[in-house]
Amino acid sequence: MENPVVWFEILGKDGEALKKFYGDVFDWKIKSDNPMNYGMVNAEGKDNIGGGIGTSDDHKPMATFYIAVKDIKEHLKIVTANGGKVIVPFTEIPDMVKFAIFADPEGNKIGLVE
């Protein structure tokens, strides 16, 4: 598959409680030793993907998966041409990630990463 799912994210009003829940339920190893206190879930094993757990900006629940693409800005053009809507435009967190989030025609929020 040329554009695989490479990351997941689970956010809500209480990121610490979510990290504890998913860590306890699935025995996930979650590290939050970063300035954003963002819980990084380790991708142990060859068929697993990593993910993140934390507090959402608006304190509302959100679960998203991220698809790897070569050019986020070009893919957002394709998304909008096909009836999708850009929710978070191309964003770069230096030394960490380049991403965007769009809504499909049904309103599902999907992430893109380069």
C-alpha atoms as a PDB file:
ATOM      1  CA  MET A   1       0.000   0.000   0.000  1.00  0.00           C
ATOM      2  CA  GLU A   2       1.520   3.314  -1.068  1.00  0.00           C
ATOM      3  CA  ASN A   3      -0.122   5.459   1.640  1.00  0.00           C
ATOM      4  CA  PRO A   4      -0.328   3.319   4.812  1.00  0.00           C
ATOM      5  CA  VAL A   5      -1.886   4.160   8.157  1.00  0.00           C
ATOM      6  CA  VAL A   6       1.147   5.032  10.302  1.00  0.00           C
ATOM      7  CA  TRP A   7      -0.144   6.662  13.505  1.00  0.00           C
ATOM      8  CA  PHE A   8      -3.209   6.863  15.718  1.00  0.00           C
ATOM      9  CA  GLU A   9      -4.273   9.454  18.249  1.00  0.00           C
ATOM     10  CA  ILE A  10      -6.780   9.318  21.099  1.00  0.00           C
ATOM     11  CA  LEU A  11      -7.606  12.646  22.746  1.00  0.00           C
ATOM     12  CA  GLY A  12     -10.128  13.869  25.292  1.00  0.00           C
ATOM     13  CA  LYS A  13     -10.697  16.185  28.230  1.00  0.00           C
ATOM     14  CA  ASP A  14      -8.434  14.264  30.637  1.00  0.00           C
ATOM     15  CA  GLY A  15      -5.310  13.050  28.878  1.00  0.00           C
ATOM     16  CA  GLU A  16      -3.820  11.583  32.060  1.00  0.00           C
ATOM     17  CA  ALA A  17      -6.917   9.449  32.662  1.00  0.00           C
ATOM     18  CA  LEU A  18      -6.900   8.296  29.029  1.00  0.00           C
ATOM     19  CA  LYS A  19      -3.224   7.312  29.232  1.00  0.00           C
ATOM     20  CA  LYS A  20      -3.915   5.316  32.396  1.00  0.00           C
ATOM     21  CA  PHE A  21      -6.989   3.646  30.864  1.00  0.00           C
ATOM     22  CA  TYR A  22      -5.282   2.515  27.641  1.00  0.00           C
ATOM     23  CA  GLY A  23      -2.087   1.586  29.457  1.00  0.00           C
ATOM     24  CA  ASP A  24      -4.008  -0.574  31.937  1.00  0.00           C
ATOM     25  CA  VAL A  25      -6.446  -2.117  29.452  1.00  0.00           C
ATOM     26  CA  PHE A  26      -3.956  -2.961  26.699  1.00  0.00           C
ATOM     27  CA  ASP A  27      -0.646  -2.947  28.614  1.00  0.00           C
ATOM     28  CA  TRP A  28       0.641  -0.177  26.356  1.00  0.00           C
ATOM     29  CA  LYS A  29       3.927   1.489  27.314  1.00  0.00           C
ATOM     30  CA  ILE A  30       3.184   5.226  27.221  1.00  0.00           C
ATOM     31  CA  LYS A  31       5.899   7.870  27.657  1.00  0.00           C
ATOM     32  CA  SER A  32       4.993  11.531  28.275  1.00  0.00           C
ATOM     33  CA  ASP A  33       8.469  12.967  28.783  1.00  0.00           C
ATOM     34  CA  ASN A  34       8.037  15.859  26.362  1.00  0.00           C
ATOM     35  CA  PRO A  35       7.103  19.548  26.761  1.00  0.00           C
ATOM     36  CA  MET A  36       3.504  18.918  25.656  1.00  0.00           C
ATOM     37  CA  ASN A  37       3.018  15.976  28.074  1.00  0.00           C
ATOM     38  CA  TYR A  38       1.784  14.062  25.014  1.00  0.00           C
ATOM     39  CA  GLY A  39       1.664  10.321  25.669  1.00  0.00           C
ATOM     40  CA  MET A  40       3.667   8.465  23.036  1.00  0.00           C
ATOM     41  CA  VAL A  41       2.610   4.837  22.576  1.00  0.00           C
ATOM     42  CA  ASN A  42       5.500   2.614  21.528  1.00  0.00           C
ATOM     43  CA  ALA A  43       5.050   0.553  18.361  1.00  0.00           C
ATOM     44  CA  GLU A  44       6.450  -2.742  19.627  1.00  0.00           C
ATOM     45  CA  GLY A  45       6.512  -5.531  17.059  1.00  0.00           C
ATOM     46  CA  LYS A  46       6.893  -5.423  13.288  1.00  0.00           C
ATOM     47  CA  ASP A  47       3.190  -5.076  12.399  1.00  0.00           C
ATOM     48  CA  ASN A  48       2.313  -2.380  14.946  1.00  0.00           C
ATOM     49  CA  ILE A  49       2.040   1.364  14.543  1.00  0.00           C
ATOM     50  CA  GLY A  50       2.738   3.971  17.184  1.00  0.00           C
ATOM     51  CA  GLY A  51       0.272   6.450  18.524  1.00  0.00           C
ATOM     52  CA  GLY A  52      -0.416   9.234  20.926  1.00  0.00           C
ATOM     53  CA  ILE A  53      -2.775   9.850  23.816  1.00  0.00           C
ATOM     54  CA  GLY A  54      -3.465  13.176  25.456  1.00  0.00           C
ATOM     55  CA  THR A  55      -5.737  16.118  26.154  1.00  0.00           C
ATOM     56  CA  SER A  56      -7.529  17.719  23.213  1.00  0.00           C
ATOM     57  CA  ASP A  57      -7.404  21.483  22.752  1.00  0.00           C
ATOM     58  CA  ASP A  58     -11.187  21.758  23.046  1.00  0.00           C
ATOM     59  CA  HIS A  59     -11.443  19.031  25.717  1.00  0.00           C
ATOM     60  CA  LYS A  60     -13.716  16.943  23.473  1.00  0.00           C
ATOM     61  CA  PRO A  61     -13.093  13.276  22.633  1.00  0.00           C
ATOM     62  CA  MET A  62     -11.445  12.514  19.338  1.00  0.00           C
ATOM     63  CA  ALA A  63      -9.906   9.397  17.815  1.00  0.00           C
ATOM     64  CA  THR A  64      -7.969   9.811  14.578  1.00  0.00           C
ATOM     65  CA  PHE A  65      -5.726   7.706  12.398  1.00  0.00           C
ATOM     66  CA  TYR A  66      -2.989   9.207  10.252  1.00  0.00           C
ATOM     67  CA  ILE A  67      -2.069   8.242   6.687  1.00  0.00           C
ATOM     68  CA  ALA A  68       1.463   8.785   5.346  1.00  0.00           C
ATOM     69  CA  VAL A  69       1.660  10.828   2.132  1.00  0.00           C
ATOM     70  CA  LYS A  70       4.556  12.385   0.214  1.00  0.00           C
ATOM     71  CA  ASP A  71       3.033  15.892   0.034  1.00  0.00           C
ATOM     72  CA  ILE A  72       0.346  16.961   2.513  1.00  0.00           C
ATOM     73  CA  LYS A  73      -0.529  20.194   0.702  1.00  0.00           C
ATOM     74  CA  GLU A  74      -1.135  18.359  -2.575  1.00  0.00           C
ATOM     75  CA  HIS A  75      -3.237  15.710  -0.830  1.00  0.00           C
ATOM     76  CA  LEU A  76      -5.385  18.377   0.830  1.00  0.00           C
ATOM     77  CA  LYS A  77      -6.188  19.688  -2.672  1.00  0.00           C
ATOM     78  CA  ILE A  78      -7.308  16.183  -3.651  1.00  0.00           C
ATOM     79  CA  VAL A  79      -9.349  15.895  -0.433  1.00  0.00           C
ATOM     80  CA  THR A  80     -11.248  19.128  -1.082  1.00  0.00           C
ATOM     81  CA  ALA A  81     -11.745  18.317  -4.780  1.00  0.00           C
ATOM     82  CA  ASN A  82     -13.469  15.115  -3.690  1.00  0.00           C
ATOM     83  CA  GLY A  83     -15.829  16.637  -1.140  1.00  0.00           C
ATOM     84  CA  GLY A  84     -13.661  16.633   1.990  1.00  0.00           C
ATOM     85  CA  LYS A  85     -12.985  19.623   4.251  1.00  0.00           C
ATOM     86  CA  VAL A  86      -9.686  20.750   5.759  1.00  0.00           C
ATOM     87  CA  ILE A  87      -9.998  20.874   9.573  1.00  0.00           C
ATOM     88  CA  VAL A  88      -6.339  21.543  10.499  1.00  0.00           C
ATOM     89  CA  PRO A  89      -4.204  22.871   7.620  1.00  0.00           C
ATOM     90  CA  PHE A  90      -0.617  21.832   7.027  1.00  0.00           C
ATOM     91  CA  THR A  91       1.132  22.221  10.378  1.00  0.00           C
ATOM     92  CA  GLU A  92       4.747  21.605  11.322  1.00  0.00           C
ATOM     93  CA  ILE A  93       5.928  20.948  14.860  1.00  0.00           C
ATOM     94  CA  PRO A  94       9.702  21.405  14.479  1.00  0.00           C
ATOM     95  CA  ASP A  95      11.806  18.278  15.003  1.00  0.00           C
ATOM     96  CA  MET A  96       8.629  16.244  15.551  1.00  0.00           C
ATOM     97  CA  VAL A  97       5.994  16.045  12.786  1.00  0.00           C
ATOM     98  CA  LYS A  98       4.350  17.641   9.736  1.00  0.00           C
ATOM     99  CA  PHE A  99       0.597  16.950   9.681  1.00  0.00           C
ATOM    100  CA  ALA A 100      -2.903  18.060   8.698  1.00  0.00           C
ATOM    101  CA  ILE A 101      -6.411  16.837   9.528  1.00  0.00           C
ATOM    102  CA  PHE A 102      -9.382  16.696   7.169  1.00  0.00           C
ATOM    103  CA  ALA A 103     -13.002  15.591   7.405  1.00  0.00           C
ATOM    104  CA  ASP A 104     -14.320  13.149   4.847  1.00  0.00           C
ATOM    105  CA  PRO A 105     -17.785  13.736   3.305  1.00  0.00           C
ATOM    106  CA  GLU A 106     -19.389  11.965   6.305  1.00  0.00           C
ATOM    107  CA  GLY A 107     -17.495  14.092   8.843  1.00  0.00           C
ATOM    108  CA  ASN A 108     -14.909  11.500   9.955  1.00  0.00           C
ATOM    109  CA  LYS A 109     -11.662  13.215  10.894  1.00  0.00           C
ATOM    110  CA  ILE A 110      -8.554  11.708   9.275  1.00  0.00           C
ATOM    111  CA  GLY A 111      -4.937  12.838   9.632  1.00  0.00           C
ATOM    112  CA  LEU A 112      -2.161  13.108   7.074  1.00  0.00           C
ATOM    113  CA  VAL A 113       1.566  13.005   7.869  1.00  0.00           C
ATOM    114  CA  GLU A 114       4.654  13.441   5.690  1.00  0.00           C
END
